[in-house]
Protein backbone atom coordinates (compact mmCIF):
# COMPACT_ATOMS: atom_id res chain seq x y z
CA UNK A 1 0.35 9.49 0.67
CA UNK A 2 1.53 7.80 -2.49
CA UNK A 3 0.26 4.21 -2.71
CA UNK A 4 3.59 3.24 -4.28
CA UNK A 5 5.23 3.97 -0.91
CA UNK A 6 3.54 0.80 0.38
CA UNK A 7 5.11 -1.45 -2.21
CA UNK A 8 7.89 -3.89 -1.43
CA UNK A 9 9.44 -6.85 -3.27
CA UNK A 10 7.61 -10.05 -2.28
CA UNK A 11 9.18 -13.16 -3.83
CA UNK A 12 6.67 -15.83 -4.77
CA UNK A 13 8.70 -18.34 -2.76
CA UNK A 14 8.03 -16.35 0.42
CA UNK A 15 4.25 -16.78 0.15
CA UNK A 16 3.18 -19.66 2.40
CA UNK A 17 1.02 -22.16 0.54
CA UNK A 18 0.23 -24.39 3.52
CA UNK A 19 -0.23 -23.90 7.26
CA UNK A 20 2.40 -25.39 9.54
CA UNK A 21 1.71 -28.74 11.15
CA UNK A 22 1.40 -27.02 14.54
CA UNK A 23 -0.44 -23.71 14.64
CA UNK A 24 1.61 -22.12 17.40
CA UNK A 25 4.95 -23.11 15.83
CA UNK A 26 4.76 -20.11 13.48
CA UNK A 27 7.71 -17.75 13.77
CA UNK A 28 7.13 -14.45 15.54
CA UNK A 29 9.18 -11.32 14.86
CA UNK A 30 8.98 -9.19 18.02
CA UNK A 31 9.54 -5.43 17.72
CA UNK A 32 9.51 -2.96 20.60
CA UNK A 33 10.92 -0.05 18.63
CA UNK A 34 14.27 1.16 17.29
CA UNK A 35 15.96 1.29 20.70
CA UNK A 36 15.43 -2.45 21.26
CA UNK A 37 16.82 -5.43 19.39
CA UNK A 38 14.48 -7.45 17.23
CA UNK A 39 13.63 -10.86 18.63
CA UNK A 40 13.00 -13.99 16.61
CA UNK A 41 10.61 -16.16 18.60
CA UNK A 42 7.61 -18.40 17.93
CA UNK A 43 3.92 -17.82 18.68
CA UNK A 44 4.09 -20.47 21.40
CA UNK A 45 6.23 -17.97 23.38
CA UNK A 46 3.47 -15.36 23.47
CA UNK A 47 2.81 -15.56 27.22
CA UNK A 48 6.48 -14.77 27.92
CA UNK A 49 6.36 -11.75 25.59
CA UNK A 50 3.39 -10.12 27.33
CA UNK A 51 3.03 -8.90 30.90
CA UNK A 52 0.68 -9.91 33.72
CA UNK A 53 -2.34 -7.64 33.51
CA UNK A 54 -2.30 -7.44 29.71
CA UNK A 55 -5.45 -8.27 27.75
CA UNK A 56 -5.58 -10.31 24.53
CA UNK A 57 -8.51 -9.51 22.20
CA UNK A 58 -9.49 -11.95 19.44
CA UNK A 59 -11.96 -11.79 16.56
CA UNK A 60 -14.30 -14.77 16.87
CA UNK A 61 -15.87 -14.59 13.43
CA UNK A 62 -16.16 -17.90 11.59
CA UNK A 63 -15.40 -18.34 7.89
CA UNK A 64 -18.17 -19.62 5.65
CA UNK A 65 -17.45 -22.08 2.83
CA UNK A 66 -18.41 -19.05 0.78
CA UNK A 67 -16.93 -19.81 -2.64
CA UNK A 68 -19.49 -21.46 -4.93
CA UNK A 69 -18.46 -22.90 -8.30
CA UNK A 70 -21.61 -22.88 -10.42
CA UNK A 71 -22.96 -23.26 -13.94
CA UNK A 72 -24.81 -20.79 -16.18
CA UNK A 73 -27.79 -21.87 -18.25
CA UNK A 74 -25.44 -22.00 -21.27
CA UNK A 75 -23.26 -24.54 -19.49
CA UNK A 76 -20.49 -22.01 -18.95
CA UNK A 77 -18.76 -21.72 -15.59
CA UNK A 78 -19.56 -19.08 -12.99
CA UNK A 79 -18.27 -18.36 -9.53
CA UNK A 80 -19.94 -16.65 -6.58
CA UNK A 81 -18.10 -15.50 -3.46
CA UNK A 82 -20.59 -14.71 -0.71
CA UNK A 83 -19.50 -11.56 1.13
CA UNK A 84 -22.32 -10.81 3.53
CA UNK A 85 -25.91 -11.84 4.17
CA UNK A 86 -28.13 -8.77 3.74
CA UNK A 87 -31.71 -9.98 4.08
CA UNK A 88 -34.39 -12.59 3.51
CA UNK A 89 -36.87 -13.41 0.76
CA UNK A 90 -39.84 -15.76 0.70
CA UNK A 91 -37.70 -18.29 -1.15
CA UNK A 92 -34.28 -17.81 0.40
CA UNK A 93 -31.74 -15.22 1.53
CA UNK A 94 -30.12 -12.14 0.00
CA UNK A 95 -26.36 -11.65 -0.08
CA UNK A 96 -23.79 -9.21 -1.33
CA UNK A 97 -21.43 -11.29 -3.43
CA UNK A 98 -18.58 -11.12 -5.90
CA UNK A 99 -19.76 -12.78 -9.11
CA UNK A 100 -17.73 -13.89 -12.12
CA UNK A 101 -18.25 -13.31 -14.98
CA UNK A 102 -20.47 -10.48 -13.72
CA UNK A 103 -20.76 -8.62 -17.02
CA UNK A 104 -22.07 -11.70 -18.79
CA UNK A 105 -24.87 -12.27 -16.30
CA UNK A 106 -28.14 -10.39 -16.59
CA UNK A 107 -30.43 -9.66 -13.67
CA UNK A 108 -32.43 -12.80 -12.98
CA UNK A 109 -29.81 -15.19 -14.34
CA UNK A 110 -30.03 -18.59 -12.65
CA UNK A 111 -26.88 -20.41 -11.57
CA UNK A 112 -26.92 -24.07 -10.54
CA UNK A 113 -24.44 -26.39 -8.87
CA UNK A 114 -21.78 -28.20 -10.86
CA UNK A 115 -23.20 -31.50 -9.58
CA UNK A 116 -26.52 -30.71 -11.20
CA UNK A 117 -28.56 -31.01 -8.02
CA UNK A 118 -31.33 -28.54 -7.30
CA UNK A 119 -30.71 -28.20 -3.55
CA UNK A 120 -28.81 -24.93 -4.10
CA UNK A 121 -29.63 -22.28 -6.69
CA UNK A 122 -28.33 -18.72 -7.07
CA UNK A 123 -30.41 -15.95 -8.67
CA UNK A 124 -28.23 -13.05 -9.82
CA UNK A 125 -29.57 -9.58 -9.02
CA UNK A 126 -28.53 -5.93 -9.04
CA UNK A 127 -25.08 -4.91 -10.24
CA UNK A 128 -23.11 -2.70 -7.81
CA UNK A 129 -19.92 -2.45 -9.85
CA UNK A 130 -16.48 -4.05 -9.50
CA UNK A 131 -18.05 -7.51 -9.78
CA UNK A 132 -20.29 -6.98 -6.75
CA UNK A 133 -23.87 -8.18 -7.15
CA UNK A 134 -26.88 -8.78 -4.99
CA UNK A 135 -27.75 -12.45 -5.23
CA UNK A 136 -30.58 -14.59 -3.88
CA UNK A 137 -29.51 -17.92 -2.43
CA UNK A 138 -32.18 -20.62 -2.49
CA UNK A 139 -31.51 -23.93 -0.77
CA UNK A 140 -33.41 -26.98 0.29
CA UNK A 141 -33.18 -27.51 4.02
CA UNK A 142 -30.53 -25.89 6.19
CA UNK A 143 -28.56 -23.12 4.48
CA UNK A 144 -25.27 -23.79 6.27
CA UNK A 145 -25.51 -27.48 5.49
CA UNK A 146 -26.04 -26.67 1.81
CA UNK A 147 -23.01 -24.39 1.82
CA UNK A 148 -20.97 -27.13 3.47
CA UNK A 149 -21.99 -29.50 0.66
CA UNK A 150 -21.35 -27.17 -2.26
CA UNK A 151 -19.08 -24.41 -1.02
CA UNK A 152 -15.33 -24.14 -0.61
CA UNK A 153 -13.21 -22.22 1.84
CA UNK A 154 -12.55 -18.84 0.16
CA UNK A 155 -8.77 -19.01 0.15
CA UNK A 156 -7.08 -15.91 -1.27
CA UNK A 157 -5.90 -16.13 -4.89
CA UNK A 158 -2.22 -16.16 -3.95
CA UNK A 159 -2.75 -19.58 -2.32
CA UNK A 160 -2.71 -21.86 -5.31
CA UNK A 161 -2.34 -25.25 -3.63
CA UNK A 162 -5.16 -27.33 -2.17
CA UNK A 163 -5.90 -27.07 1.55
CA UNK A 164 -6.34 -30.63 2.78
CA UNK A 165 -7.76 -29.73 6.21
CA UNK A 166 -10.45 -27.06 5.78
CA UNK A 167 -10.41 -26.44 9.55
CA UNK A 168 -6.94 -24.92 9.22
CA UNK A 169 -8.56 -21.81 7.70
CA UNK A 170 -10.58 -21.39 10.91
CA UNK A 171 -9.35 -20.17 14.27
CA UNK A 172 -9.79 -22.53 17.22
CA UNK A 173 -12.14 -19.95 18.78
CA UNK A 174 -14.30 -19.29 15.69
CA UNK A 175 -17.95 -18.86 16.59
CA UNK A 176 -20.73 -17.34 14.47
CA UNK A 177 -20.32 -18.10 10.74
CA UNK A 178 -20.39 -15.11 8.42
CA UNK A 179 -16.96 -14.11 7.09
CA UNK A 180 -15.56 -14.37 3.58
CA UNK A 181 -11.98 -14.58 4.87
CA UNK A 182 -10.25 -15.67 8.05
CA UNK A 183 -8.81 -13.31 10.66
CA UNK A 184 -5.48 -14.88 9.84
CA UNK A 185 -3.36 -13.76 12.82
CA UNK A 186 -5.71 -15.78 15.01
CA UNK A 187 -4.94 -18.96 13.06
CA UNK A 188 -1.71 -19.26 15.07
CA UNK A 189 -3.31 -19.38 18.50
CA UNK A 190 -4.08 -22.58 20.40
CA UNK A 191 -5.72 -23.45 23.69
CA UNK A 192 -2.21 -24.17 25.01
CA UNK A 193 -1.18 -20.59 24.21
CA UNK A 194 -4.28 -19.24 25.93
CA UNK A 195 -3.67 -21.46 28.97
CA UNK A 196 -0.09 -20.22 29.29
CA UNK A 197 -1.28 -16.63 29.04
CA UNK A 198 -3.98 -17.18 31.65
CA UNK A 199 -1.47 -18.76 34.03
CA UNK A 200 0.63 -15.62 33.71
CA UNK A 201 -2.30 -13.32 34.53
CA UNK A 202 -3.06 -12.32 30.94
CA UNK A 203 -6.78 -12.24 30.25
CA UNK A 204 -8.70 -12.78 27.01
CA UNK A 205 -11.66 -10.92 25.50
CA UNK A 206 -13.59 -11.22 22.25
CA UNK A 207 -14.92 -9.04 19.45
CA UNK A 208 -16.53 -9.84 16.13
CA UNK A 209 -15.77 -8.26 12.80
CA UNK A 210 -17.31 -10.01 9.81
CA UNK A 211 -14.44 -10.05 7.34
CA UNK A 212 -15.56 -8.97 3.90
CA UNK A 213 -14.49 -6.80 1.00
CA UNK A 214 -13.39 -3.94 3.26
CA UNK A 215 -10.55 -6.00 4.68
CA UNK A 216 -9.17 -7.75 1.62
CA UNK A 217 -9.95 -5.32 -1.22
CA UNK A 218 -6.64 -3.96 -2.57
CA UNK A 219 -5.82 -0.28 -2.92
CA UNK A 220 -6.19 0.49 -6.62
CA UNK A 221 -5.81 4.29 -6.55
CA UNK A 222 -2.61 6.33 -6.70
CA UNK A 223 -3.21 8.18 -3.44
CA UNK A 224 -3.92 6.24 -0.25
CA UNK A 225 -6.35 8.95 0.88
CA UNK A 226 -8.57 8.23 -2.13
CA UNK A 227 -9.09 4.58 -1.18
CA UNK A 228 -12.68 3.80 -0.19
CA UNK A 229 -13.25 1.13 2.45
CA UNK A 230 -16.34 -1.03 2.07
CA UNK A 231 -18.26 -1.29 5.31
CA UNK A 232 -18.09 -4.36 7.51
CA UNK A 233 -20.24 -5.38 10.45
CA UNK A 234 -18.66 -5.39 13.90
CA UNK A 235 -19.65 -6.05 17.50
CA UNK A 236 -17.69 -5.25 20.64
CA UNK A 237 -19.44 -6.65 23.73
CA UNK A 238 -19.75 -4.18 26.57
CA UNK A 239 -17.75 -6.59 28.72
CA UNK A 240 -14.86 -6.42 26.24
CA UNK A 241 -14.80 -2.64 26.16
CA UNK A 242 -14.93 -2.55 29.95
CA UNK A 243 -12.04 -5.04 30.13
CA UNK A 244 -9.99 -2.84 27.77
CA UNK A 245 -10.66 0.23 29.90
CA UNK A 246 -9.79 -1.62 33.13
CA UNK A 247 -6.61 -2.99 31.61
CA UNK A 248 -5.31 0.36 30.45
CA UNK A 249 -6.33 2.12 33.68
CA UNK A 250 -4.29 -0.45 35.62
CA UNK A 251 -1.24 0.05 33.40
CA UNK A 252 -1.70 -3.07 31.27
CA UNK A 253 -1.69 -3.31 27.49
CA UNK A 254 -4.51 -4.20 25.11
CA UNK A 255 -3.07 -6.71 22.63
CA UNK A 256 -5.16 -7.13 19.49
CA UNK A 257 -4.81 -10.41 17.61
CA UNK A 258 -4.93 -9.26 14.01
CA UNK A 259 -5.95 -6.19 12.07
CA UNK A 260 -9.64 -7.12 12.18
CA UNK A 261 -9.65 -7.06 15.99
CA UNK A 262 -7.91 -3.68 15.79
CA UNK A 263 -10.54 -2.37 13.39
CA UNK A 264 -13.43 -3.57 15.58
CA UNK A 265 -12.01 -2.04 18.76
CA UNK A 266 -10.99 1.23 17.17
CA UNK A 267 -14.32 1.53 15.32
CA UNK A 268 -16.23 1.20 18.58
CA UNK A 269 -13.98 3.73 20.29
CA UNK A 270 -14.14 6.23 17.41
CA UNK A 271 -17.90 6.03 16.90
CA UNK A 272 -19.04 5.46 20.47
CA UNK A 273 -21.16 2.58 19.15
CA UNK A 274 -20.35 -0.93 20.38
CA UNK A 275 -21.90 -2.53 17.30
CA UNK A 276 -22.82 -1.49 13.80
CA UNK A 277 -21.04 -1.07 10.48
CA UNK A 278 -17.63 0.45 10.00
CA UNK A 279 -15.85 2.08 7.09
CA UNK A 280 -12.89 3.07 9.28
CA UNK A 281 -9.67 3.31 7.27
CA UNK A 282 -6.72 3.44 9.67
CA UNK A 283 -3.88 5.30 8.01
CA UNK A 284 -1.32 8.05 8.42
CA UNK A 285 -1.39 9.82 11.78
CA UNK A 286 -4.48 8.00 13.07
CA UNK A 287 -4.64 8.25 16.86
CA UNK A 288 -5.24 4.81 18.34
CA UNK A 289 -7.64 4.91 21.27
CA UNK A 290 -7.59 1.29 22.46
CA UNK A 291 -4.92 -0.97 20.97
CA UNK A 292 -1.39 -0.88 22.42
CA UNK A 293 0.16 -3.97 20.84
CA UNK A 294 -0.77 -6.04 17.81
CA UNK A 295 -0.01 -9.58 16.68
CA UNK A 296 -0.36 -9.64 12.92
CA UNK A 297 0.72 -11.55 9.84
CA UNK A 298 2.80 -10.07 7.01
CA UNK A 299 0.54 -8.38 4.46
CA UNK A 300 0.39 -7.84 0.72
CA UNK A 301 2.12 -4.86 -0.86
CA UNK A 302 -0.18 -1.86 -1.46
CA UNK A 303 -2.88 -3.21 0.86
CA UNK A 304 -5.02 -1.32 3.36
CA UNK A 305 -3.71 -3.71 6.02
CA UNK A 306 -0.13 -2.63 5.36
CA UNK A 307 -1.26 1.00 5.57
CA UNK A 308 -2.68 0.20 9.03
CA UNK A 309 0.66 -1.28 10.09
CA UNK A 310 2.35 1.93 8.94
CA UNK A 311 -0.04 3.97 11.09
CA UNK A 312 0.69 1.71 14.07
CA UNK A 313 4.46 1.24 13.80
CA UNK A 314 5.48 3.97 11.37
CA UNK A 315 7.78 3.54 8.40
CA UNK A 316 9.75 1.05 10.50
CA UNK A 317 7.62 -1.67 8.93
CA UNK A 318 9.94 -1.58 5.90
CA UNK A 319 12.91 -2.58 8.05
CA UNK A 320 10.87 -5.31 9.74
CA UNK A 321 9.61 -6.75 6.46
CA UNK A 322 13.13 -6.71 4.98
CA UNK A 323 14.51 -8.46 8.07
CA UNK A 324 11.75 -11.07 7.88
CA UNK A 325 12.45 -11.78 4.20
CA UNK A 326 16.19 -11.98 4.86
CA UNK A 327 15.53 -14.51 7.63
CA UNK A 328 13.19 -16.74 5.65
CA UNK A 329 9.88 -15.83 7.28
CA UNK A 330 6.75 -17.08 5.54
CA UNK A 331 4.34 -14.36 4.34
CA UNK A 332 0.58 -13.77 4.04
CA UNK A 333 -2.37 -15.84 5.29
CA UNK A 334 -0.61 -19.10 6.22
CA UNK A 335 2.65 -17.36 7.00
CA UNK A 336 4.45 -16.21 10.13
CA UNK A 337 3.66 -13.21 12.32
CA UNK A 338 4.92 -10.09 14.05
CA UNK A 339 4.26 -8.73 17.54
CA UNK A 340 4.29 -4.93 17.29
CA UNK A 341 4.16 -2.17 19.87
CA UNK A 342 2.39 1.09 19.03
CA UNK A 343 5.03 3.64 18.11
CA UNK A 344 4.23 6.21 20.81
CA UNK A 345 4.82 3.48 23.43
CA UNK A 346 8.24 2.36 22.20
CA UNK A 347 10.19 3.92 25.06
CA UNK A 348 8.02 2.23 27.73
CA UNK A 349 7.39 -1.24 26.27
């Protein structure tokens, strides 16, 4: 597949710079296939758009304040984006990170905080290409507390305005900290939405996929098939997999909240391993084993996430994206959402 086939015109004005005042007030474009009319709803309506016996699956990963603005020994600026913790040392912890300016930093270079304190220090290590480095993080006291003091939420580069409430880049169900980006479809959900779903007989289950470079790295090759996914850690509790199997056996639908929940569920199903690392790249004629419906945001052109949407809903995504742009939907991380049905289920949804 030609990567250019996943391009589309995205006006800068359509990129949401701020979350809405109410999470569940985001608009929701509902598609059940070409034989049904598109619906323009809001996320707060989710319970009415699903059926009793359906199962919602969310990714509970928590975003770290993983962006560190630091200083080199020369006084020049440096930036470290922590991607994933990989081990321990006697003095601190090891991480895979994106480092800038990577080419100007030798192994062993020491980076310090802009404030000049010594309670957080980064030692730059091995170069893995494309700006990726192994780094050692040394802190005084609790590591998470140090990151809270010196780190920033790692907002994507297309969000250029300041986020006043850092909690708005976390889901309300975020649990174990570890991700370098939010599972953004989940940002729309509230306890009120979950309560309405529960009252209608729609259950909820959880997975974890630690969002890293595999999710947000753009496709930079001409052919989609040549794109290499970086691995990400996932965990699907046995109780979640059992709930998915029960739901589908009883005629219900598994509804994944976001592409990261899809990737966790489908990785477990494809590998037979409920936890581990995944390099699964969902594209083309991929046969989905678990997920029947998906709530997802609108994604960047030429991204692996858009390729996943194409595998799930076919080339119809172009019509949906065009309709959303024509109707003033907000795009990307803080934008609006779609509720999609897997294409082989269109006639029965």
